[in-house]
Amino acid sequence: RARLRAVRHTVLVLSGKGGVGKSTFSAQLAHGLAADETKQVALLDIDICGPSIPKIMGLEGEQVHQSGSGWSPVYVEENLGVMSVGFLLHSPDDAVIWRGPKKNGLIKQFLRDVDWGEVDYLIVDTPPGTSDEHLSIVQYLSAARIDGAVIITTPQ
């Protein structure tokens, strides 16, 4: 909870199905907000089974480092940090086949242990649909206040 108090604004990015551009939008939103160099932006990819943010952000092969203050996000720019389960896999082709409790545990660990520092904007890229991850992130972030949600759709 203490780490989340250092986040000024939180925005969830959601979609009802996969393949609509949710992760692309999340990445573009994070880049757009980070264009103001006075703002600190964090992009959290909680699509545990299909983490695409490392590829979209050009960060494939990067590793997360652990320190006494927690996990250090991977930085695209000085003011734009990224965290994703994709950084914890040996290969981008590795499959993550976890059930609800394990996924929820990782989300909770990301929120508790990632050392973002002071953050103006936390953008949370969620998995498609309505799943355990969505319920967990809303529950875990309730203390930090969610400022808004963007729902990405297509006309089909």
Protein backbone atom coordinates (compact mmCIF):
# COMPACT_ATOMS: atom_id res chain seq x y z
CA ARG A 1 0.00 0.00 0.00
CA ALA A 2 2.86 2.40 0.76
CA ARG A 3 4.21 2.09 -2.78
CA LEU A 4 0.76 2.76 -4.24
CA ARG A 5 0.45 5.96 -2.20
CA ALA A 6 3.31 7.34 -4.30
CA VAL A 7 1.13 6.98 -7.45
CA ARG A 8 -0.84 10.13 -8.27
CA HIS A 9 -3.07 8.82 -11.09
CA THR A 10 -3.98 5.27 -12.13
CA VAL A 11 -5.60 4.35 -15.45
CA LEU A 12 -6.71 0.82 -16.40
CA VAL A 13 -6.79 -0.18 -20.07
CA LEU A 14 -9.34 -2.94 -20.76
CA SER A 15 -11.00 -4.79 -23.63
CA GLY A 16 -13.74 -7.36 -23.99
CA LYS A 17 -11.69 -9.56 -26.31
CA GLY A 18 -8.14 -9.99 -27.53
CA GLY A 19 -6.55 -8.46 -30.60
CA VAL A 20 -8.19 -5.04 -30.44
CA GLY A 21 -5.04 -3.00 -29.76
CA LYS A 22 -5.24 -2.65 -25.98
CA SER A 23 -1.53 -3.17 -25.37
CA THR A 24 -0.61 -0.90 -28.28
CA PHE A 25 -2.87 1.81 -26.85
CA SER A 26 -1.38 1.32 -23.36
CA ALA A 27 2.14 1.72 -24.74
CA GLN A 28 1.20 4.82 -26.76
CA LEU A 29 -0.58 6.37 -23.77
CA ALA A 30 2.48 5.78 -21.60
CA HIS A 31 4.79 7.28 -24.24
CA GLY A 32 2.46 10.25 -24.69
CA LEU A 33 2.34 11.01 -20.98
CA ALA A 34 6.12 10.56 -20.69
CA ALA A 35 6.64 13.17 -23.43
CA ASP A 36 6.29 15.66 -20.57
CA GLU A 37 9.72 15.11 -19.04
CA THR A 38 8.53 16.51 -15.70
CA LYS A 39 6.14 13.53 -15.29
CA GLN A 40 7.09 10.05 -14.08
CA VAL A 41 5.16 7.30 -15.87
CA ALA A 42 4.87 3.60 -15.05
CA LEU A 43 3.44 0.96 -17.40
CA LEU A 44 2.38 -2.28 -15.71
CA ASP A 45 1.55 -5.27 -17.93
CA ILE A 46 -0.68 -7.67 -15.99
CA ASP A 47 -1.60 -9.79 -19.02
CA ILE A 48 0.11 -12.75 -17.37
CA CYS A 49 -0.64 -15.32 -20.09
CA GLY A 50 0.09 -13.02 -23.05
CA PRO A 51 2.56 -10.30 -22.03
CA SER A 52 3.18 -8.23 -25.17
CA ILE A 53 4.36 -4.94 -23.66
CA PRO A 54 8.09 -5.89 -23.67
CA LYS A 55 7.93 -6.47 -27.44
CA ILE A 56 5.83 -3.37 -28.15
CA MET A 57 8.18 -1.20 -26.10
CA GLY A 58 11.32 -2.68 -27.72
CA LEU A 59 12.45 -4.26 -24.45
CA GLU A 60 12.60 -7.97 -25.33
CA GLY A 61 15.48 -9.70 -23.59
CA GLU A 62 15.63 -7.16 -20.76
CA GLN A 63 15.78 -8.48 -17.21
CA VAL A 64 14.24 -7.25 -13.98
CA HIS A 65 16.75 -6.61 -11.20
CA GLN A 66 16.08 -7.03 -7.53
CA SER A 67 17.50 -4.76 -4.87
CA GLY A 68 16.91 -4.12 -1.20
CA SER A 69 14.02 -1.82 -2.12
CA GLY A 70 12.28 -4.33 -4.42
CA TRP A 71 12.14 -5.08 -8.13
CA SER A 72 13.50 -2.36 -10.38
CA PRO A 73 11.35 -1.70 -13.45
CA VAL A 74 12.94 -1.67 -16.89
CA TYR A 75 13.26 1.91 -18.12
CA VAL A 76 12.52 2.91 -21.71
CA GLU A 77 13.36 6.51 -20.85
CA GLU A 78 14.40 8.18 -17.60
CA ASN A 79 10.77 8.93 -16.80
CA LEU A 80 9.09 5.80 -18.25
CA GLY A 81 9.39 2.51 -16.38
CA VAL A 82 7.88 -0.81 -17.43
CA MET A 83 7.10 -4.02 -15.54
CA SER A 84 5.81 -7.23 -17.12
CA VAL A 85 5.86 -10.96 -16.48
CA GLY A 86 7.53 -11.06 -19.91
CA PHE A 87 10.75 -9.90 -18.24
CA LEU A 88 10.68 -12.93 -15.94
CA LEU A 89 10.45 -15.55 -18.71
CA HIS A 90 13.53 -17.25 -20.16
CA SER A 91 12.19 -16.81 -23.69
CA PRO A 92 9.41 -14.65 -25.16
CA ASP A 93 7.97 -17.89 -26.58
CA ASP A 94 7.56 -19.46 -23.12
CA ALA A 95 3.94 -20.10 -22.22
CA VAL A 96 2.55 -19.02 -18.86
CA ILE A 97 -0.26 -21.37 -17.92
CA TRP A 98 -1.25 -20.36 -14.42
CA ARG A 99 -4.55 -20.54 -12.61
CA GLY A 100 -6.24 -17.70 -10.73
CA PRO A 101 -4.46 -17.82 -7.35
CA LYS A 102 -0.97 -17.83 -8.88
CA LYS A 103 -1.86 -15.01 -11.30
CA ASN A 104 -3.38 -12.98 -8.48
CA GLY A 105 -0.28 -13.56 -6.37
CA LEU A 106 1.99 -12.20 -9.11
CA ILE A 107 -0.21 -9.13 -9.59
CA LYS A 108 -0.12 -8.49 -5.86
CA GLN A 109 3.66 -8.94 -5.87
CA PHE A 110 4.03 -6.48 -8.77
CA LEU A 111 1.99 -3.89 -6.88
CA ARG A 112 3.78 -4.52 -3.59
CA ASP A 113 7.38 -5.10 -4.67
CA VAL A 114 8.10 -2.98 -7.76
CA ASP A 115 10.08 0.10 -6.76
CA TRP A 116 8.59 2.72 -9.10
CA GLY A 117 9.49 5.64 -6.87
CA GLU A 118 7.22 8.69 -7.13
CA VAL A 119 4.88 8.15 -10.10
CA ASP A 120 2.53 10.65 -11.72
CA TYR A 121 0.77 8.09 -13.92
CA LEU A 122 0.42 4.32 -13.56
CA ILE A 123 -0.98 2.76 -16.75
CA VAL A 124 -2.19 -0.81 -16.21
CA ASP A 125 -2.46 -2.97 -19.34
CA THR A 126 -4.92 -5.74 -18.46
CA PRO A 127 -5.63 -9.06 -20.17
CA PRO A 128 -8.57 -9.28 -22.57
CA GLY A 129 -12.02 -10.17 -21.28
CA THR A 130 -13.17 -10.33 -17.69
CA SER A 131 -11.01 -12.56 -15.55
CA ASP A 132 -9.51 -12.99 -12.11
CA GLU A 133 -6.81 -10.46 -12.98
CA HIS A 134 -9.38 -7.70 -13.46
CA LEU A 135 -11.05 -8.38 -10.13
CA SER A 136 -7.69 -8.59 -8.39
CA ILE A 137 -6.29 -5.36 -9.79
CA VAL A 138 -9.43 -3.40 -8.87
CA GLN A 139 -9.38 -4.88 -5.37
CA TYR A 140 -5.66 -4.26 -4.85
CA LEU A 141 -5.79 -0.74 -6.26
CA SER A 142 -8.90 0.31 -4.36
CA ALA A 143 -6.75 1.90 -1.65
CA ALA A 144 -4.73 3.81 -4.24
CA ARG A 145 -7.80 5.04 -6.15
CA ILE A 146 -8.33 4.25 -9.81
CA ASP A 147 -8.79 7.51 -11.72
CA GLY A 148 -10.23 6.00 -14.86
CA ALA A 149 -10.50 3.16 -17.30
CA VAL A 150 -10.21 3.13 -21.07
CA ILE A 151 -12.10 0.36 -22.85
CA ILE A 152 -10.72 -0.55 -26.28
CA THR A 153 -13.23 -2.05 -28.73
CA THR A 154 -13.69 -2.81 -32.40
CA PRO A 155 -16.96 -2.65 -34.37
CA GLN A 156 -17.22 -6.46 -34.81
